Amino acid sequence: MASVTHSIENSPTSTMSQAPKIKQESISIGMSWKAILRKKNQTKRPNQKLTPRLSESIKSKNIPKNVAKAIIQQILNNNVQEQIEEEEEFLKFINKHRKIQNLAYLMKITRPHKLEKLNKLHKQFRQICWNFLKKQYVPYIFNSRIKNPEGHLQYRNQLMKVFAQKQ
């Protein structure tokens, strides 16, 4: 019967069985074998960018996504035609940005842009967002299957403050 230490040393996942190979590599590279082993075991994590989070977003991560979906549905259902100047261009812009997943992306496409053409589209979208939040969001909350209307209303107030600063 093999000892416990013997079975661990011979296991394919054991670092001890890799040590002689790594020592050979470390001699040829000039790094310590422990550093090479650490480097092999490390996994690269993607850089996480800080996104502007509103304080109530902890209650529901889907609130910005729900808001964006509702706004885009309003646009695609032709409920905001009087606010759109160049319809074809604006619909291309909306179809390009149709899958808004978070608040950072929503803020990005409502922020003023350097290019005049994009700035005009961003301004129209920002105005539509503002009108939706101001007039249509409360009925949308209570007529839908949203389980946490209080959180949505608090989030709406915070979103309105953000959009009011940009107006």
C-alpha atoms as a PDB file:
ATOM      1  CA  MET A   1       0.000   0.000   0.000  1.00  0.00           C
ATOM      2  CA  ALA A   2       1.359   3.386  -1.010  1.00  0.00           C
ATOM      3  CA  SER A   3       1.790   6.122   1.510  1.00  0.00           C
ATOM      4  CA  VAL A   4      -0.270   9.279   1.344  1.00  0.00           C
ATOM      5  CA  THR A   5       2.736  11.444   0.539  1.00  0.00           C
ATOM      6  CA  HIS A   6       3.785   9.089  -2.225  1.00  0.00           C
ATOM      7  CA  SER A   7       0.348   9.276  -3.888  1.00  0.00           C
ATOM      8  CA  ILE A   8       0.305  13.082  -3.680  1.00  0.00           C
ATOM      9  CA  GLU A   9       3.772  13.386  -5.156  1.00  0.00           C
ATOM     10  CA  ASN A  10       2.838  11.237  -8.133  1.00  0.00           C
ATOM     11  CA  SER A  11      -0.508  12.897  -8.819  1.00  0.00           C
ATOM     12  CA  PRO A  12      -0.704  14.863 -12.080  1.00  0.00           C
ATOM     13  CA  THR A  13      -2.050  17.943 -10.301  1.00  0.00           C
ATOM     14  CA  SER A  14       0.694  18.029  -7.735  1.00  0.00           C
ATOM     15  CA  THR A  15       3.156  20.901  -7.938  1.00  0.00           C
ATOM     16  CA  MET A  16       5.865  18.660  -6.551  1.00  0.00           C
ATOM     17  CA  SER A  17       5.860  16.468  -9.666  1.00  0.00           C
ATOM     18  CA  GLN A  18       6.328  19.584 -11.816  1.00  0.00           C
ATOM     19  CA  ALA A  19       9.173  20.970  -9.745  1.00  0.00           C
ATOM     20  CA  PRO A  20      12.066  19.159 -11.514  1.00  0.00           C
ATOM     21  CA  LYS A  21      10.767  20.234 -14.943  1.00  0.00           C
ATOM     22  CA  ILE A  22      10.295  23.780 -13.746  1.00  0.00           C
ATOM     23  CA  LYS A  23      13.764  23.841 -12.190  1.00  0.00           C
ATOM     24  CA  GLN A  24      15.209  22.941 -15.589  1.00  0.00           C
ATOM     25  CA  GLU A  25      13.174  25.752 -17.198  1.00  0.00           C
ATOM     26  CA  SER A  26      14.199  28.223 -14.512  1.00  0.00           C
ATOM     27  CA  ILE A  27      17.873  27.536 -15.085  1.00  0.00           C
ATOM     28  CA  SER A  28      17.520  28.184 -18.814  1.00  0.00           C
ATOM     29  CA  ILE A  29      15.350  31.313 -18.366  1.00  0.00           C
ATOM     30  CA  GLY A  30      17.041  32.763 -15.318  1.00  0.00           C
ATOM     31  CA  MET A  31      13.922  32.980 -13.127  1.00  0.00           C
ATOM     32  CA  SER A  32      13.339  31.094  -9.922  1.00  0.00           C
ATOM     33  CA  TRP A  33      11.260  27.957 -10.313  1.00  0.00           C
ATOM     34  CA  LYS A  34       8.772  29.259  -7.764  1.00  0.00           C
ATOM     35  CA  ALA A  35       8.207  32.402  -9.827  1.00  0.00           C
ATOM     36  CA  ILE A  36       7.606  30.316 -12.957  1.00  0.00           C
ATOM     37  CA  LEU A  37       5.152  28.096 -11.089  1.00  0.00           C
ATOM     38  CA  ARG A  38       3.287  31.150  -9.765  1.00  0.00           C
ATOM     39  CA  LYS A  39       3.171  32.620 -13.254  1.00  0.00           C
ATOM     40  CA  LYS A  40       1.721  29.401 -14.705  1.00  0.00           C
ATOM     41  CA  ASN A  41      -0.947  29.173 -12.008  1.00  0.00           C
ATOM     42  CA  GLN A  42      -2.067  32.777 -12.316  1.00  0.00           C
ATOM     43  CA  THR A  43      -5.035  33.451 -14.515  1.00  0.00           C
ATOM     44  CA  LYS A  44      -5.476  36.760 -16.218  1.00  0.00           C
ATOM     45  CA  ARG A  45      -8.474  38.635 -14.964  1.00  0.00           C
ATOM     46  CA  PRO A  46     -10.072  41.223 -17.209  1.00  0.00           C
ATOM     47  CA  ASN A  47      -9.637  44.818 -16.127  1.00  0.00           C
ATOM     48  CA  GLN A  48     -12.811  45.918 -14.464  1.00  0.00           C
ATOM     49  CA  LYS A  49     -13.720  49.471 -15.326  1.00  0.00           C
ATOM     50  CA  LEU A  50     -15.522  51.442 -12.705  1.00  0.00           C
ATOM     51  CA  THR A  51     -19.038  52.240 -13.843  1.00  0.00           C
ATOM     52  CA  PRO A  52     -21.124  55.002 -12.390  1.00  0.00           C
ATOM     53  CA  ARG A  53     -23.463  53.204 -10.022  1.00  0.00           C
ATOM     54  CA  LEU A  54     -26.502  54.794  -8.529  1.00  0.00           C
ATOM     55  CA  SER A  55     -27.019  53.938  -4.890  1.00  0.00           C
ATOM     56  CA  GLU A  56     -30.243  52.001  -5.421  1.00  0.00           C
ATOM     57  CA  SER A  57     -28.844  49.816  -8.213  1.00  0.00           C
ATOM     58  CA  ILE A  58     -27.850  47.217  -5.617  1.00  0.00           C
ATOM     59  CA  LYS A  59     -31.525  46.321  -5.177  1.00  0.00           C
ATOM     60  CA  SER A  60     -31.921  45.390  -8.829  1.00  0.00           C
ATOM     61  CA  LYS A  61     -29.235  45.173 -11.464  1.00  0.00           C
ATOM     62  CA  ASN A  62     -31.864  44.983 -14.184  1.00  0.00           C
ATOM     63  CA  ILE A  63     -33.384  48.424 -13.640  1.00  0.00           C
ATOM     64  CA  PRO A  64     -31.180  50.274 -16.184  1.00  0.00           C
ATOM     65  CA  LYS A  65     -31.702  47.459 -18.660  1.00  0.00           C
ATOM     66  CA  ASN A  66     -35.480  47.596 -18.129  1.00  0.00           C
ATOM     67  CA  VAL A  67     -35.507  51.377 -18.547  1.00  0.00           C
ATOM     68  CA  ALA A  68     -33.480  51.175 -21.750  1.00  0.00           C
ATOM     69  CA  LYS A  69     -35.647  48.390 -23.174  1.00  0.00           C
ATOM     70  CA  ALA A  70     -38.807  50.365 -22.449  1.00  0.00           C
ATOM     71  CA  ILE A  71     -37.396  53.509 -24.083  1.00  0.00           C
ATOM     72  CA  ILE A  72     -36.276  51.595 -27.166  1.00  0.00           C
ATOM     73  CA  GLN A  73     -39.683  49.894 -27.407  1.00  0.00           C
ATOM     74  CA  GLN A  74     -41.335  53.322 -27.309  1.00  0.00           C
ATOM     75  CA  ILE A  75     -39.116  54.466 -30.172  1.00  0.00           C
ATOM     76  CA  LEU A  76     -39.580  51.333 -32.280  1.00  0.00           C
ATOM     77  CA  ASN A  77     -43.365  51.364 -31.759  1.00  0.00           C
ATOM     78  CA  ASN A  78     -43.425  54.848 -33.336  1.00  0.00           C
ATOM     79  CA  ASN A  79     -44.682  56.538 -30.167  1.00  0.00           C
ATOM     80  CA  VAL A  80     -42.124  59.359 -30.302  1.00  0.00           C
ATOM     81  CA  GLN A  81     -42.200  60.357 -33.984  1.00  0.00           C
ATOM     82  CA  GLU A  82     -42.707  64.064 -33.252  1.00  0.00           C
ATOM     83  CA  GLN A  83     -39.403  64.181 -31.323  1.00  0.00           C
ATOM     84  CA  ILE A  84     -37.316  62.570 -34.076  1.00  0.00           C
ATOM     85  CA  GLU A  85     -35.935  64.823 -36.802  1.00  0.00           C
ATOM     86  CA  GLU A  86     -34.138  62.429 -39.172  1.00  0.00           C
ATOM     87  CA  GLU A  87     -36.012  59.181 -38.767  1.00  0.00           C
ATOM     88  CA  GLU A  88     -33.860  56.778 -40.833  1.00  0.00           C
ATOM     89  CA  GLU A  89     -30.618  57.910 -39.248  1.00  0.00           C
ATOM     90  CA  PHE A  90     -32.095  57.776 -35.772  1.00  0.00           C
ATOM     91  CA  LEU A  91     -33.486  54.256 -36.296  1.00  0.00           C
ATOM     92  CA  LYS A  92     -30.036  53.093 -37.442  1.00  0.00           C
ATOM     93  CA  PHE A  93     -28.599  54.624 -34.268  1.00  0.00           C
ATOM     94  CA  ILE A  94     -31.226  52.873 -32.113  1.00  0.00           C
ATOM     95  CA  ASN A  95     -30.748  49.505 -33.807  1.00  0.00           C
ATOM     96  CA  LYS A  96     -27.003  49.806 -33.279  1.00  0.00           C
ATOM     97  CA  HIS A  97     -27.473  50.508 -29.548  1.00  0.00           C
ATOM     98  CA  ARG A  98     -30.446  48.219 -29.045  1.00  0.00           C
ATOM     99  CA  LYS A  99     -28.921  45.966 -26.381  1.00  0.00           C
ATOM    100  CA  ILE A 100     -28.194  48.382 -23.579  1.00  0.00           C
ATOM    101  CA  GLN A 101     -27.151  46.216 -20.647  1.00  0.00           C
ATOM    102  CA  ASN A 102     -26.074  48.622 -17.939  1.00  0.00           C
ATOM    103  CA  LEU A 103     -26.108  52.172 -16.703  1.00  0.00           C
ATOM    104  CA  ALA A 104     -22.633  53.003 -18.008  1.00  0.00           C
ATOM    105  CA  TYR A 105     -23.665  52.223 -21.575  1.00  0.00           C
ATOM    106  CA  LEU A 106     -26.908  54.176 -21.208  1.00  0.00           C
ATOM    107  CA  MET A 107     -24.909  57.170 -19.964  1.00  0.00           C
ATOM    108  CA  LYS A 108     -22.429  56.779 -22.812  1.00  0.00           C
ATOM    109  CA  ILE A 109     -25.060  57.098 -25.523  1.00  0.00           C
ATOM    110  CA  THR A 110     -26.765  60.049 -23.855  1.00  0.00           C
ATOM    111  CA  ARG A 111     -23.541  61.979 -23.258  1.00  0.00           C
ATOM    112  CA  PRO A 112     -22.727  64.819 -25.705  1.00  0.00           C
ATOM    113  CA  HIS A 113     -20.422  63.692 -28.507  1.00  0.00           C
ATOM    114  CA  LYS A 114     -17.621  65.494 -30.376  1.00  0.00           C
ATOM    115  CA  LEU A 115     -19.043  64.796 -33.831  1.00  0.00           C
ATOM    116  CA  GLU A 116     -21.944  67.051 -34.716  1.00  0.00           C
ATOM    117  CA  LYS A 117     -23.953  64.257 -36.352  1.00  0.00           C
ATOM    118  CA  LEU A 118     -23.628  61.896 -33.365  1.00  0.00           C
ATOM    119  CA  ASN A 119     -24.157  64.736 -30.925  1.00  0.00           C
ATOM    120  CA  LYS A 120     -27.501  65.456 -32.571  1.00  0.00           C
ATOM    121  CA  LEU A 121     -28.551  61.777 -32.258  1.00  0.00           C
ATOM    122  CA  HIS A 122     -27.376  61.623 -28.646  1.00  0.00           C
ATOM    123  CA  LYS A 123     -29.292  64.797 -27.855  1.00  0.00           C
ATOM    124  CA  GLN A 124     -32.495  63.402 -29.395  1.00  0.00           C
ATOM    125  CA  PHE A 125     -32.098  60.136 -27.484  1.00  0.00           C
ATOM    126  CA  ARG A 126     -31.414  62.047 -24.258  1.00  0.00           C
ATOM    127  CA  GLN A 127     -34.578  64.114 -24.804  1.00  0.00           C
ATOM    128  CA  ILE A 128     -36.647  60.983 -25.455  1.00  0.00           C
ATOM    129  CA  CYS A 129     -35.212  59.381 -22.295  1.00  0.00           C
ATOM    130  CA  TRP A 130     -36.051  62.473 -20.273  1.00  0.00           C
ATOM    131  CA  ASN A 131     -39.630  62.598 -21.574  1.00  0.00           C
ATOM    132  CA  PHE A 132     -40.107  58.883 -20.954  1.00  0.00           C
ATOM    133  CA  LEU A 133     -38.803  59.107 -17.380  1.00  0.00           C
ATOM    134  CA  LYS A 134     -40.866  62.194 -16.681  1.00  0.00           C
ATOM    135  CA  LYS A 135     -44.219  61.212 -18.221  1.00  0.00           C
ATOM    136  CA  GLN A 136     -44.431  57.516 -19.038  1.00  0.00           C
ATOM    137  CA  TYR A 137     -42.196  55.611 -16.624  1.00  0.00           C
ATOM    138  CA  VAL A 138     -44.561  55.574 -13.629  1.00  0.00           C
ATOM    139  CA  PRO A 139     -47.465  54.031 -15.615  1.00  0.00           C
ATOM    140  CA  TYR A 140     -44.969  51.621 -17.179  1.00  0.00           C
ATOM    141  CA  ILE A 141     -43.837  50.465 -13.717  1.00  0.00           C
ATOM    142  CA  PHE A 142     -47.319  49.866 -12.366  1.00  0.00           C
ATOM    143  CA  ASN A 143     -48.725  48.296 -15.557  1.00  0.00           C
ATOM    144  CA  SER A 144     -45.885  45.796 -15.910  1.00  0.00           C
ATOM    145  CA  ARG A 145     -44.915  42.722 -13.910  1.00  0.00           C
ATOM    146  CA  ILE A 146     -42.247  44.544 -11.918  1.00  0.00           C
ATOM    147  CA  LYS A 147     -42.084  43.133  -8.400  1.00  0.00           C
ATOM    148  CA  ASN A 148     -40.218  46.027  -6.780  1.00  0.00           C
ATOM    149  CA  PRO A 149     -41.918  49.278  -7.872  1.00  0.00           C
ATOM    150  CA  GLU A 150     -40.473  51.250  -4.939  1.00  0.00           C
ATOM    151  CA  GLY A 151     -36.915  50.526  -6.039  1.00  0.00           C
ATOM    152  CA  HIS A 152     -37.786  51.497  -9.598  1.00  0.00           C
ATOM    153  CA  LEU A 153     -39.326  54.779  -8.472  1.00  0.00           C
ATOM    154  CA  GLN A 154     -36.279  55.663  -6.385  1.00  0.00           C
ATOM    155  CA  TYR A 155     -34.033  54.755  -9.297  1.00  0.00           C
ATOM    156  CA  ARG A 156     -36.207  56.880 -11.622  1.00  0.00           C
ATOM    157  CA  ASN A 157     -35.674  59.923  -9.400  1.00  0.00           C
ATOM    158  CA  GLN A 158     -31.929  59.405  -9.456  1.00  0.00           C
ATOM    159  CA  LEU A 159     -31.909  58.892 -13.230  1.00  0.00           C
ATOM    160  CA  MET A 160     -33.926  62.072 -13.673  1.00  0.00           C
ATOM    161  CA  LYS A 161     -31.316  63.980 -11.658  1.00  0.00           C
ATOM    162  CA  VAL A 162     -28.584  62.604 -13.917  1.00  0.00           C
ATOM    163  CA  PHE A 163     -30.475  63.484 -17.107  1.00  0.00           C
ATOM    164  CA  ALA A 164     -31.442  66.914 -15.736  1.00  0.00           C
ATOM    165  CA  GLN A 165     -27.756  67.752 -15.273  1.00  0.00           C
ATOM    166  CA  LYS A 166     -27.135  66.951 -18.940  1.00  0.00           C
ATOM    167  CA  GLN A 167     -30.084  68.987 -20.257  1.00  0.00           C
END
